[in-house]
């Protein structure tokens, strides 16, 4: 049975274009506690938001794919994952 075209086709097309433009590098957004503290933003949901704003702004035009490290974020609960999802949406808008 053939697989119907669904979001996977759109993702595959976007991924292929991004890889062609920027190469295969995927930047893992993985802040350490020491980095967050040294930047004065702390390891809190708000600090992770601030880190995401800074990091996404720096990544635009440099890498094609950004992956958050879920293990770092999960100890802050579901709200942080909602914010991370919004980061993904914002990053798409920032590159459009």
C-alpha atoms as a PDB file:
ATOM      1  CA  UNK A   1       0.000   0.000   0.000  1.00  0.00           C
ATOM      2  CA  UNK A   2       1.553   3.350  -1.001  1.00  0.00           C
ATOM      3  CA  UNK A   3       2.031   5.972   1.671  1.00  0.00           C
ATOM      4  CA  UNK A   4      -0.176   8.994   0.985  1.00  0.00           C
ATOM      5  CA  UNK A   5       1.488  12.371   0.575  1.00  0.00           C
ATOM      6  CA  UNK A   6       1.068  14.034   3.892  1.00  0.00           C
ATOM      7  CA  UNK A   7       3.125  16.436   5.971  1.00  0.00           C
ATOM      8  CA  UNK A   8       6.137  14.171   5.472  1.00  0.00           C
ATOM      9  CA  UNK A   9       6.402  15.266   1.849  1.00  0.00           C
ATOM     10  CA  UNK A  10       6.383  18.928   2.827  1.00  0.00           C
ATOM     11  CA  UNK A  11       8.977  18.276   5.532  1.00  0.00           C
ATOM     12  CA  UNK A  12      11.187  16.271   3.168  1.00  0.00           C
ATOM     13  CA  UNK A  13      11.049  19.042   0.580  1.00  0.00           C
ATOM     14  CA  UNK A  14      11.887  21.755   3.130  1.00  0.00           C
ATOM     15  CA  UNK A  15      14.658  19.627   4.624  1.00  0.00           C
ATOM     16  CA  UNK A  16      16.247  18.950   1.228  1.00  0.00           C
ATOM     17  CA  UNK A  17      16.222  22.652   0.372  1.00  0.00           C
ATOM     18  CA  UNK A  18      17.660  23.635   3.735  1.00  0.00           C
ATOM     19  CA  UNK A  19      20.387  21.015   3.527  1.00  0.00           C
ATOM     20  CA  UNK A  20      21.318  22.179   0.030  1.00  0.00           C
ATOM     21  CA  UNK A  21      21.528  25.807   1.164  1.00  0.00           C
ATOM     22  CA  UNK A  22      23.226  25.385   4.568  1.00  0.00           C
ATOM     23  CA  UNK A  23      24.737  21.894   4.555  1.00  0.00           C
ATOM     24  CA  UNK A  24      24.031  19.006   6.919  1.00  0.00           C
ATOM     25  CA  UNK A  25      24.901  20.775  10.188  1.00  0.00           C
ATOM     26  CA  UNK A  26      22.176  20.629  12.849  1.00  0.00           C
ATOM     27  CA  UNK A  27      22.776  22.969  15.744  1.00  0.00           C
ATOM     28  CA  UNK A  28      21.777  21.386  19.065  1.00  0.00           C
ATOM     29  CA  UNK A  29      20.400  24.099  21.303  1.00  0.00           C
ATOM     30  CA  UNK A  30      21.718  22.773  24.579  1.00  0.00           C
ATOM     31  CA  UNK A  31      22.471  25.453  27.144  1.00  0.00           C
ATOM     32  CA  UNK A  32      24.456  24.430  30.180  1.00  0.00           C
ATOM     33  CA  UNK A  33      23.668  25.761  33.623  1.00  0.00           C
ATOM     34  CA  UNK A  34      27.079  27.447  33.719  1.00  0.00           C
ATOM     35  CA  UNK A  35      26.408  29.255  30.404  1.00  0.00           C
ATOM     36  CA  UNK A  36      22.985  30.428  31.557  1.00  0.00           C
ATOM     37  CA  UNK A  37      24.465  31.634  34.855  1.00  0.00           C
ATOM     38  CA  UNK A  38      27.457  33.332  33.223  1.00  0.00           C
ATOM     39  CA  UNK A  39      25.081  35.176  30.869  1.00  0.00           C
ATOM     40  CA  UNK A  40      23.100  36.296  33.923  1.00  0.00           C
ATOM     41  CA  UNK A  41      19.848  34.709  32.737  1.00  0.00           C
ATOM     42  CA  UNK A  42      19.638  31.694  35.079  1.00  0.00           C
ATOM     43  CA  UNK A  43      18.257  28.207  34.684  1.00  0.00           C
ATOM     44  CA  UNK A  44      14.566  29.056  34.769  1.00  0.00           C
ATOM     45  CA  UNK A  45      11.831  28.925  32.138  1.00  0.00           C
ATOM     46  CA  UNK A  46      12.346  32.667  31.563  1.00  0.00           C
ATOM     47  CA  UNK A  47      16.112  32.155  31.313  1.00  0.00           C
ATOM     48  CA  UNK A  48      15.597  29.406  28.730  1.00  0.00           C
ATOM     49  CA  UNK A  49      13.340  31.771  26.749  1.00  0.00           C
ATOM     50  CA  UNK A  50      16.002  34.473  26.813  1.00  0.00           C
ATOM     51  CA  UNK A  51      18.660  31.958  25.755  1.00  0.00           C
ATOM     52  CA  UNK A  52      16.432  30.815  22.887  1.00  0.00           C
ATOM     53  CA  UNK A  53      15.944  34.407  21.698  1.00  0.00           C
ATOM     54  CA  UNK A  54      19.696  35.064  21.699  1.00  0.00           C
ATOM     55  CA  UNK A  55      20.620  31.718  20.173  1.00  0.00           C
ATOM     56  CA  UNK A  56      17.989  31.721  17.421  1.00  0.00           C
ATOM     57  CA  UNK A  57      18.966  35.225  16.388  1.00  0.00           C
ATOM     58  CA  UNK A  58      22.597  34.103  16.126  1.00  0.00           C
ATOM     59  CA  UNK A  59      21.712  30.932  14.189  1.00  0.00           C
ATOM     60  CA  UNK A  60      19.715  32.578  11.404  1.00  0.00           C
ATOM     61  CA  UNK A  61      21.658  32.490   8.172  1.00  0.00           C
ATOM     62  CA  UNK A  62      24.308  30.235   9.715  1.00  0.00           C
ATOM     63  CA  UNK A  63      22.647  26.854  10.094  1.00  0.00           C
ATOM     64  CA  UNK A  64      19.560  25.405   8.500  1.00  0.00           C
ATOM     65  CA  UNK A  65      18.346  23.211  11.316  1.00  0.00           C
ATOM     66  CA  UNK A  66      18.070  23.810  15.049  1.00  0.00           C
ATOM     67  CA  UNK A  67      17.261  21.026  17.506  1.00  0.00           C
ATOM     68  CA  UNK A  68      16.515  21.635  21.133  1.00  0.00           C
ATOM     69  CA  UNK A  69      17.876  19.160  23.665  1.00  0.00           C
ATOM     70  CA  UNK A  70      14.740  17.872  25.375  1.00  0.00           C
ATOM     71  CA  UNK A  71      16.536  16.316  28.350  1.00  0.00           C
ATOM     72  CA  UNK A  72      17.748  19.724  29.515  1.00  0.00           C
ATOM     73  CA  UNK A  73      14.289  21.274  29.257  1.00  0.00           C
ATOM     74  CA  UNK A  74      12.115  18.471  30.645  1.00  0.00           C
ATOM     75  CA  UNK A  75      12.967  19.113  34.287  1.00  0.00           C
ATOM     76  CA  UNK A  76      11.123  22.439  34.001  1.00  0.00           C
ATOM     77  CA  UNK A  77       7.835  20.816  33.027  1.00  0.00           C
ATOM     78  CA  UNK A  78       5.310  21.142  30.245  1.00  0.00           C
ATOM     79  CA  UNK A  79       5.322  24.936  30.092  1.00  0.00           C
ATOM     80  CA  UNK A  80       8.922  24.895  28.832  1.00  0.00           C
ATOM     81  CA  UNK A  81       8.003  22.488  26.041  1.00  0.00           C
ATOM     82  CA  UNK A  82       5.161  24.765  24.992  1.00  0.00           C
ATOM     83  CA  UNK A  83       7.615  27.641  24.882  1.00  0.00           C
ATOM     84  CA  UNK A  84      10.084  25.503  22.900  1.00  0.00           C
ATOM     85  CA  UNK A  85       7.352  24.726  20.357  1.00  0.00           C
ATOM     86  CA  UNK A  86       6.698  28.452  20.034  1.00  0.00           C
ATOM     87  CA  UNK A  87      10.451  28.923  19.464  1.00  0.00           C
ATOM     88  CA  UNK A  88      10.202  26.561  16.505  1.00  0.00           C
ATOM     89  CA  UNK A  89       7.315  28.565  15.066  1.00  0.00           C
ATOM     90  CA  UNK A  90       9.183  31.825  15.656  1.00  0.00           C
ATOM     91  CA  UNK A  91      12.305  30.497  13.979  1.00  0.00           C
ATOM     92  CA  UNK A  92      10.280  29.658  10.876  1.00  0.00           C
ATOM     93  CA  UNK A  93       8.901  33.209  10.808  1.00  0.00           C
ATOM     94  CA  UNK A  94      12.362  34.690  11.318  1.00  0.00           C
ATOM     95  CA  UNK A  95      13.707  32.887   8.260  1.00  0.00           C
ATOM     96  CA  UNK A  96      10.742  33.514   5.940  1.00  0.00           C
END
